[in-house]
Amino acid sequence: MKLVQEPLVHTRLTALLVAVLLASVSLANSLSAPASFEVSTTVIKATVKPGESISIPIVVLNGKTPQRLSVEPPSLGFISIDKNSFELSADQDASLNVSLLSQTAGVYVSNISIRGENKEVTLPVILEVESRILQFDASTSISQASSQVKPGGLFTVDVTLYNLRSLDSGVLVHFIAYKTDGSILFSETQPLNVAGSSVQISKTFTIPADASAGDYVFAVLADHNNSIGISSAVFAVTNKNMPFDFSSRFLESPIVLVGLAIIILLAVTLFALNHYWNQKIIANAHYWSQHKAKQIPEPKPTNIVEEHKQVHKLEYQRRLLKEAYARGYIKRTSYVSGMRRIDEVISKKKKPL
């Protein structure tokens, strides 16, 4: 009787699964390789009083390739940096101290750029200089929908104004959107009354149609007799269609790409395994349909080890025959005679074991 070589099947399946695993690991390593460098923050921001200064450390972590990095001088003079350029070995990090020098009360916006061999990171810099004695203060909350907005689109922000100690409820509120070079994108001034301890309002602005893509800073200044309280937040203007932009950002993630690749490889592997198994079942059904059970000879005995192997192969043949009958690949007469014949051979071989 011709027996299906089960160990060879297992060897092929194991080799295929190992190949899939190795390909997945290789793809994961290539896709999840770290960028040329990373920075510990996305924005540099501080709040001080007039005449004060502050130093903010940021960390630059290099990737797998040694390189020289440079720091582009800011466009406005309230920023100083302790390093203009530096070299990093693989996986090495360096600390930069960014000093912000306050002036008169107000909002000061700029940026610094850190450049490597194949990557550049630009960090918005915001310095809020508030009056020493505040009569009013403010807070801002930019909705997720307005955190990225297209040119000509609507920008909505929730603003809360706080009356800290003023007997006069009137306050002059300045709404200003800055480019990160310090220039103004749009502005508006509105007098408001804060009768109780606080009041919340929602403001909607139209982004200029010619606004360039990039980061911007929205600031609120609550001014009462030259006592100025400040709140600010960063938002972005983008030319991309937001729903598709989300998809592109999602698909650009190395983890997502690795996961998709592994899913595809596993799907192909399972399809191949299912096809291979199905072909074996069909071949087995064809064999039992073409041969009469009584004409099938028993495997010749050799030694105890070989007897065990032949019994194992016969049991595997039995499983294939049962699966072929369950799928309708073989008639009942062939199935019954085949199962009877296999059981007889197995029974005989197990007796001396």
Protein backbone atom coordinates (compact mmCIF):
# COMPACT_ATOMS: atom_id res chain seq x y z
CA MET A 1 0.00 0.00 0.00
CA LYS A 2 1.35 3.43 -0.96
CA LEU A 3 1.50 5.56 2.15
CA VAL A 4 1.54 9.35 2.28
CA GLN A 5 4.85 10.59 3.59
CA GLU A 6 3.65 12.54 6.64
CA PRO A 7 7.12 13.41 8.01
CA LEU A 8 7.98 15.00 4.65
CA VAL A 9 4.74 17.00 4.79
CA HIS A 10 5.59 18.23 8.29
CA THR A 11 9.09 19.14 7.18
CA ARG A 12 7.76 21.22 4.30
CA LEU A 13 5.18 22.95 6.46
CA THR A 14 7.75 23.69 9.15
CA ALA A 15 10.15 25.08 6.56
CA LEU A 16 7.39 27.28 5.13
CA LEU A 17 6.40 28.64 8.54
CA VAL A 18 10.05 29.32 9.43
CA ALA A 19 10.46 31.18 6.13
CA VAL A 20 7.39 33.30 6.91
CA LEU A 21 8.70 34.08 10.40
CA LEU A 22 12.16 35.02 9.12
CA ALA A 23 10.67 37.20 6.40
CA SER A 24 8.45 38.94 8.97
CA VAL A 25 11.37 39.58 11.32
CA SER A 26 13.51 40.88 8.46
CA LEU A 27 10.72 43.17 7.31
CA ALA A 28 10.11 44.38 10.86
CA ASN A 29 13.79 45.22 11.28
CA SER A 30 13.91 47.13 8.01
CA LEU A 31 10.67 49.05 8.57
CA SER A 32 11.08 49.79 12.26
CA ALA A 33 14.66 51.01 11.96
CA PRO A 34 14.94 54.23 13.97
CA ALA A 35 14.98 57.58 12.21
CA SER A 36 18.26 59.42 11.85
CA PHE A 37 17.57 61.17 15.18
CA GLU A 38 14.76 62.02 17.59
CA VAL A 39 14.13 65.06 19.80
CA SER A 40 12.67 64.82 23.31
CA THR A 41 10.00 67.47 22.71
CA THR A 42 7.86 68.90 19.91
CA VAL A 43 7.60 72.45 21.26
CA ILE A 44 9.65 74.68 23.56
CA LYS A 45 7.42 76.80 25.79
CA ALA A 46 7.83 78.82 28.97
CA THR A 47 5.97 81.44 31.01
CA VAL A 48 7.98 84.10 32.87
CA LYS A 49 7.69 87.57 34.32
CA PRO A 50 9.33 90.66 32.77
CA GLY A 51 13.10 90.67 33.28
CA GLU A 52 13.28 86.92 34.01
CA SER A 53 15.04 84.30 31.93
CA ILE A 54 14.80 80.54 31.80
CA SER A 55 16.89 77.68 30.42
CA ILE A 56 15.11 74.65 28.96
CA PRO A 57 17.08 71.45 28.23
CA ILE A 58 16.15 69.27 25.27
CA VAL A 59 17.68 65.92 24.38
CA VAL A 60 18.65 64.78 20.88
CA LEU A 61 18.92 60.98 20.48
CA ASN A 62 20.82 59.70 17.48
CA GLY A 63 19.84 56.62 15.45
CA LYS A 64 22.10 53.85 14.17
CA THR A 65 24.35 56.02 11.98
CA PRO A 66 27.00 58.41 13.35
CA GLN A 67 26.44 61.93 12.08
CA ARG A 68 27.00 65.64 12.63
CA LEU A 69 23.99 67.75 13.56
CA SER A 70 23.63 71.50 13.38
CA VAL A 71 21.25 73.93 15.07
CA GLU A 72 19.95 76.75 12.91
CA PRO A 73 19.99 80.12 14.71
CA PRO A 74 16.50 81.41 15.58
CA SER A 75 15.03 84.31 13.65
CA LEU A 76 14.34 86.38 16.79
CA GLY A 77 16.85 87.45 19.41
CA PHE A 78 15.14 86.29 22.63
CA ILE A 79 16.63 82.78 22.20
CA SER A 80 20.17 81.57 22.77
CA ILE A 81 21.49 77.99 22.38
CA ASP A 82 24.64 76.56 23.92
CA LYS A 83 25.56 74.43 20.85
CA ASN A 84 25.51 75.31 17.17
CA SER A 85 26.72 71.91 15.99
CA PHE A 86 27.76 68.59 17.49
CA GLU A 87 28.59 65.02 16.50
CA LEU A 88 26.82 61.92 17.74
CA SER A 89 27.83 58.27 17.54
CA ALA A 90 25.27 55.52 16.98
CA ASP A 91 22.57 55.57 19.72
CA GLN A 92 24.31 58.45 21.48
CA ASP A 93 22.38 61.41 22.87
CA ALA A 94 23.24 65.03 23.54
CA SER A 95 21.60 67.74 25.62
CA LEU A 96 20.96 71.25 24.32
CA ASN A 97 20.18 74.15 26.63
CA VAL A 98 17.78 76.67 25.11
CA SER A 99 17.79 79.94 27.05
CA LEU A 100 14.81 82.31 26.72
CA LEU A 101 15.33 85.96 27.65
CA SER A 102 12.18 87.86 28.59
CA GLN A 103 11.40 91.43 27.61
CA THR A 104 8.21 93.41 28.18
CA ALA A 105 4.90 91.64 28.75
CA GLY A 106 3.62 89.89 25.65
CA VAL A 107 3.97 86.75 23.53
CA TYR A 108 7.21 85.99 21.67
CA VAL A 109 7.24 83.28 19.01
CA SER A 110 10.11 81.82 17.02
CA ASN A 111 11.60 78.42 16.17
CA ILE A 112 14.82 76.47 16.11
CA SER A 113 15.77 73.84 13.52
CA ILE A 114 17.97 70.83 14.20
CA ARG A 115 19.44 69.33 11.03
CA GLY A 116 21.04 65.94 10.50
CA GLU A 117 22.32 64.26 7.38
CA ASN A 118 18.86 63.24 6.13
CA LYS A 119 16.37 64.75 8.54
CA GLU A 120 15.40 68.15 9.91
CA VAL A 121 13.25 68.86 12.99
CA THR A 122 11.78 72.33 13.55
CA LEU A 123 10.57 73.16 17.06
CA PRO A 124 8.23 76.09 17.72
CA VAL A 125 9.45 78.29 20.58
CA ILE A 126 6.90 80.19 22.68
CA LEU A 127 7.77 82.64 25.44
CA GLU A 128 4.84 84.04 27.42
CA VAL A 129 5.84 87.11 29.42
CA GLU A 130 3.05 87.93 31.86
CA SER A 131 2.69 90.94 34.11
CA ARG A 132 3.94 90.53 37.67
CA ILE A 133 0.52 91.32 39.09
CA LEU A 134 -2.31 89.75 37.12
CA GLN A 135 -5.83 91.12 37.14
CA PHE A 136 -7.11 88.62 34.56
CA ASP A 137 -5.78 85.40 33.12
CA ALA A 138 -6.82 83.05 30.31
CA SER A 139 -6.69 79.45 29.13
CA THR A 140 -7.21 78.00 25.65
CA SER A 141 -8.45 74.65 24.35
CA ILE A 142 -8.13 73.77 20.67
CA SER A 143 -10.44 70.98 19.52
CA GLN A 144 -9.06 67.94 17.71
CA ALA A 145 -10.78 69.08 14.53
CA SER A 146 -8.99 72.44 14.67
CA SER A 147 -5.58 71.08 15.64
CA GLN A 148 -4.98 70.70 11.90
CA VAL A 149 -6.87 72.98 9.52
CA LYS A 150 -6.66 73.70 5.79
CA PRO A 151 -6.04 77.15 4.28
CA GLY A 152 -9.41 78.90 4.03
CA GLY A 153 -10.84 76.56 6.66
CA LEU A 154 -12.40 77.36 10.01
CA PHE A 155 -10.33 77.37 13.19
CA THR A 156 -12.31 77.01 16.44
CA VAL A 157 -10.94 77.49 19.94
CA ASP A 158 -12.51 77.55 23.41
CA VAL A 159 -11.24 80.35 25.65
CA THR A 160 -11.78 80.71 29.38
CA LEU A 161 -11.15 84.10 31.01
CA TYR A 162 -10.52 84.38 34.77
CA ASN A 163 -11.08 87.46 36.92
CA LEU A 164 -8.37 87.05 39.55
CA ARG A 165 -8.73 90.21 41.60
CA SER A 166 -10.19 93.07 39.57
CA LEU A 167 -13.27 94.93 40.83
CA ASP A 168 -13.84 96.02 37.24
CA SER A 169 -15.27 93.16 35.16
CA GLY A 170 -14.19 94.62 31.83
CA VAL A 171 -11.14 93.17 30.05
CA LEU A 172 -9.71 93.70 26.57
CA VAL A 173 -8.94 90.36 24.93
CA HIS A 174 -6.47 90.01 22.05
CA PHE A 175 -6.66 86.90 19.85
CA ILE A 176 -3.51 86.49 17.77
CA ALA A 177 -2.23 83.68 15.53
CA TYR A 178 1.54 83.78 14.95
CA LYS A 179 3.70 82.10 12.37
CA THR A 180 6.75 80.48 13.92
CA ASP A 181 8.94 83.21 12.42
CA GLY A 182 7.18 85.67 14.72
CA SER A 183 4.95 87.29 12.09
CA ILE A 184 1.17 87.48 12.55
CA LEU A 185 -1.24 85.29 10.57
CA PHE A 186 -4.42 86.97 11.88
CA SER A 187 -5.56 88.92 14.94
CA GLU A 188 -8.70 90.23 16.58
CA THR A 189 -9.43 92.31 19.68
CA GLN A 190 -12.66 92.07 21.66
CA PRO A 191 -13.78 93.71 24.92
CA LEU A 192 -15.46 91.29 27.30
CA ASN A 193 -17.03 91.34 30.74
CA VAL A 194 -16.15 88.72 33.33
CA ALA A 195 -18.89 89.29 35.88
CA GLY A 196 -18.08 86.31 38.07
CA SER A 197 -14.82 84.51 38.62
CA SER A 198 -14.66 83.21 35.04
CA VAL A 199 -16.40 83.12 31.70
CA GLN A 200 -16.00 80.76 28.77
CA ILE A 201 -16.42 81.66 25.11
CA SER A 202 -15.91 79.90 21.80
CA LYS A 203 -14.20 81.74 18.96
CA THR A 204 -14.10 80.78 15.27
CA PHE A 205 -11.66 82.29 12.80
CA THR A 206 -11.15 81.78 9.08
CA ILE A 207 -7.62 80.77 8.15
CA PRO A 208 -6.35 82.93 5.26
CA ALA A 209 -6.54 81.08 1.95
CA ASP A 210 -2.88 81.85 1.22
CA ALA A 211 -1.61 80.52 4.57
CA SER A 212 1.38 78.24 4.08
CA ALA A 213 1.51 74.78 5.60
CA GLY A 214 3.27 74.48 8.96
CA ASP A 215 2.96 75.04 12.69
CA TYR A 216 1.31 78.16 14.12
CA VAL A 217 0.80 79.54 17.62
CA PHE A 218 -2.57 80.83 18.77
CA ALA A 219 -2.34 83.20 21.74
CA VAL A 220 -4.89 84.93 23.96
CA LEU A 221 -3.85 88.06 25.88
CA ALA A 222 -6.20 89.31 28.63
CA ASP A 223 -5.30 93.00 29.06
CA HIS A 224 -6.63 95.11 31.92
CA ASN A 225 -4.87 98.43 32.47
CA ASN A 226 -1.59 96.98 31.07
CA SER A 227 -1.82 93.94 33.34
CA ILE A 228 -1.52 91.09 30.86
CA GLY A 229 -2.34 87.41 31.36
CA ILE A 230 -1.49 85.01 28.53
CA SER A 231 -2.39 81.58 27.22
CA SER A 232 -1.18 79.94 23.99
CA ALA A 233 -1.31 76.67 22.05
CA VAL A 234 0.10 75.22 18.84
CA PHE A 235 -1.95 74.24 15.81
CA ALA A 236 -1.05 73.30 12.23
CA VAL A 237 -2.12 74.42 8.79
CA THR A 238 -2.01 71.64 6.22
CA ASN A 239 -2.78 71.45 2.51
CA LYS A 240 -3.64 67.76 2.73
CA ASN A 241 -7.14 66.39 2.72
CA MET A 242 -7.61 65.45 6.37
CA PRO A 243 -9.34 62.04 6.05
CA PHE A 244 -6.78 60.82 3.53
CA ASP A 245 -4.01 62.49 5.50
CA PHE A 246 -5.01 60.38 8.51
CA SER A 247 -4.82 57.23 6.39
CA SER A 248 -1.43 58.15 5.02
CA ARG A 249 -0.07 58.86 8.49
CA PHE A 250 -1.59 55.58 9.69
CA LEU A 251 0.01 53.61 6.86
CA GLU A 252 3.34 55.36 7.32
CA SER A 253 3.66 53.86 10.81
CA PRO A 254 6.35 51.11 10.81
CA ILE A 255 4.37 49.05 13.33
CA VAL A 256 1.26 49.14 11.13
CA LEU A 257 3.25 48.22 8.01
CA VAL A 258 4.93 45.31 9.79
CA GLY A 259 1.56 44.11 11.08
CA LEU A 260 -0.02 44.30 7.62
CA ALA A 261 2.95 42.48 6.08
CA ILE A 262 2.74 39.69 8.67
CA ILE A 263 -1.02 39.35 8.16
CA ILE A 264 -0.55 39.09 4.38
CA LEU A 265 2.25 36.55 4.72
CA LEU A 266 0.23 34.45 7.16
CA ALA A 267 -2.83 34.61 4.89
CA VAL A 268 -0.75 33.42 1.93
CA THR A 269 0.79 30.68 4.08
CA LEU A 270 -2.58 29.47 5.35
CA PHE A 271 -3.95 29.48 1.81
CA ALA A 272 -0.97 27.43 0.62
CA LEU A 273 -1.29 24.99 3.52
CA ASN A 274 -5.02 24.59 2.95
CA HIS A 275 -4.44 24.01 -0.78
CA TYR A 276 -1.69 21.47 -0.06
CA TRP A 277 -3.82 19.62 2.49
CA ASN A 278 -6.81 19.61 0.13
CA GLN A 279 -4.69 18.15 -2.67
CA LYS A 280 -3.49 15.40 -0.35
CA ILE A 281 -7.09 14.56 0.59
CA ILE A 282 -8.15 14.46 -3.07
CA ALA A 283 -5.17 12.27 -3.97
CA ASN A 284 -6.00 9.93 -1.09
CA ALA A 285 -9.65 9.77 -2.14
CA HIS A 286 -8.64 8.99 -5.71
CA TYR A 287 -6.33 6.22 -4.48
CA TRP A 288 -9.02 4.49 -2.41
CA SER A 289 -11.57 4.90 -5.19
CA GLN A 290 -9.28 3.24 -7.75
CA HIS A 291 -8.17 0.28 -5.57
CA LYS A 292 -10.08 -2.45 -3.85
CA ALA A 293 -9.14 -2.81 -0.22
CA LYS A 294 -8.39 -6.52 -0.53
CA GLN A 295 -5.89 -5.85 -3.29
CA ILE A 296 -3.83 -3.51 -1.13
CA PRO A 297 -0.79 -5.28 0.31
CA GLU A 298 0.43 -4.75 3.85
CA PRO A 299 3.71 -2.86 4.32
CA LYS A 300 6.55 -5.34 4.77
CA PRO A 301 7.81 -5.54 8.38
CA THR A 302 11.43 -4.76 9.09
CA ASN A 303 12.28 -3.86 12.70
CA ILE A 304 10.55 -2.43 15.73
CA VAL A 305 11.39 1.18 14.81
CA GLU A 306 10.15 0.72 11.26
CA GLU A 307 6.97 -0.91 12.57
CA HIS A 308 6.23 2.18 14.67
CA LYS A 309 6.76 4.41 11.64
CA GLN A 310 4.43 2.32 9.47
CA VAL A 311 1.71 2.38 12.12
CA HIS A 312 2.06 6.15 12.37
CA LYS A 313 1.77 6.49 8.58
CA LEU A 314 -1.29 4.26 8.50
CA GLU A 315 -2.99 6.38 11.17
CA TYR A 316 -2.21 9.47 9.11
CA GLN A 317 -3.67 7.71 6.02
CA ARG A 318 -6.78 6.95 8.08
CA ARG A 319 -7.22 10.66 8.93
CA LEU A 320 -6.91 11.62 5.27
CA LEU A 321 -9.47 9.01 4.26
CA LYS A 322 -11.91 10.19 6.93
CA GLU A 323 -11.50 13.84 5.82
CA ALA A 324 -11.97 12.84 2.14
CA TYR A 325 -15.25 11.10 2.98
CA ALA A 326 -16.43 14.07 5.08
CA ARG A 327 -15.85 16.39 2.10
CA GLY A 328 -17.60 14.10 -0.33
CA TYR A 329 -14.50 13.20 -2.34
CA ILE A 330 -15.01 9.43 -1.95
CA LYS A 331 -17.98 7.07 -2.08
CA ARG A 332 -19.19 5.32 1.04
CA THR A 333 -18.30 1.85 -0.25
CA SER A 334 -14.68 2.89 -0.88
CA TYR A 335 -14.55 4.70 2.46
CA VAL A 336 -15.87 1.71 4.45
CA SER A 337 -13.61 -0.80 2.73
CA GLY A 338 -10.60 1.47 3.03
CA MET A 339 -11.14 2.15 6.74
CA ARG A 340 -11.67 -1.58 7.38
CA ARG A 341 -8.48 -2.47 5.55
CA ILE A 342 -6.38 0.19 7.35
CA ASP A 343 -7.76 -0.86 10.73
CA GLU A 344 -6.91 -4.48 9.98
CA VAL A 345 -3.33 -3.64 9.05
CA ILE A 346 -2.87 -1.41 12.08
CA SER A 347 -4.30 -4.09 14.36
CA LYS A 348 -1.91 -6.70 13.01
CA LYS A 349 1.10 -4.42 13.31
CA LYS A 350 0.32 -3.40 16.88
CA LYS A 351 0.13 -6.97 18.16
CA PRO A 352 3.88 -7.66 18.26
CA LEU A 353 4.71 -4.10 19.44
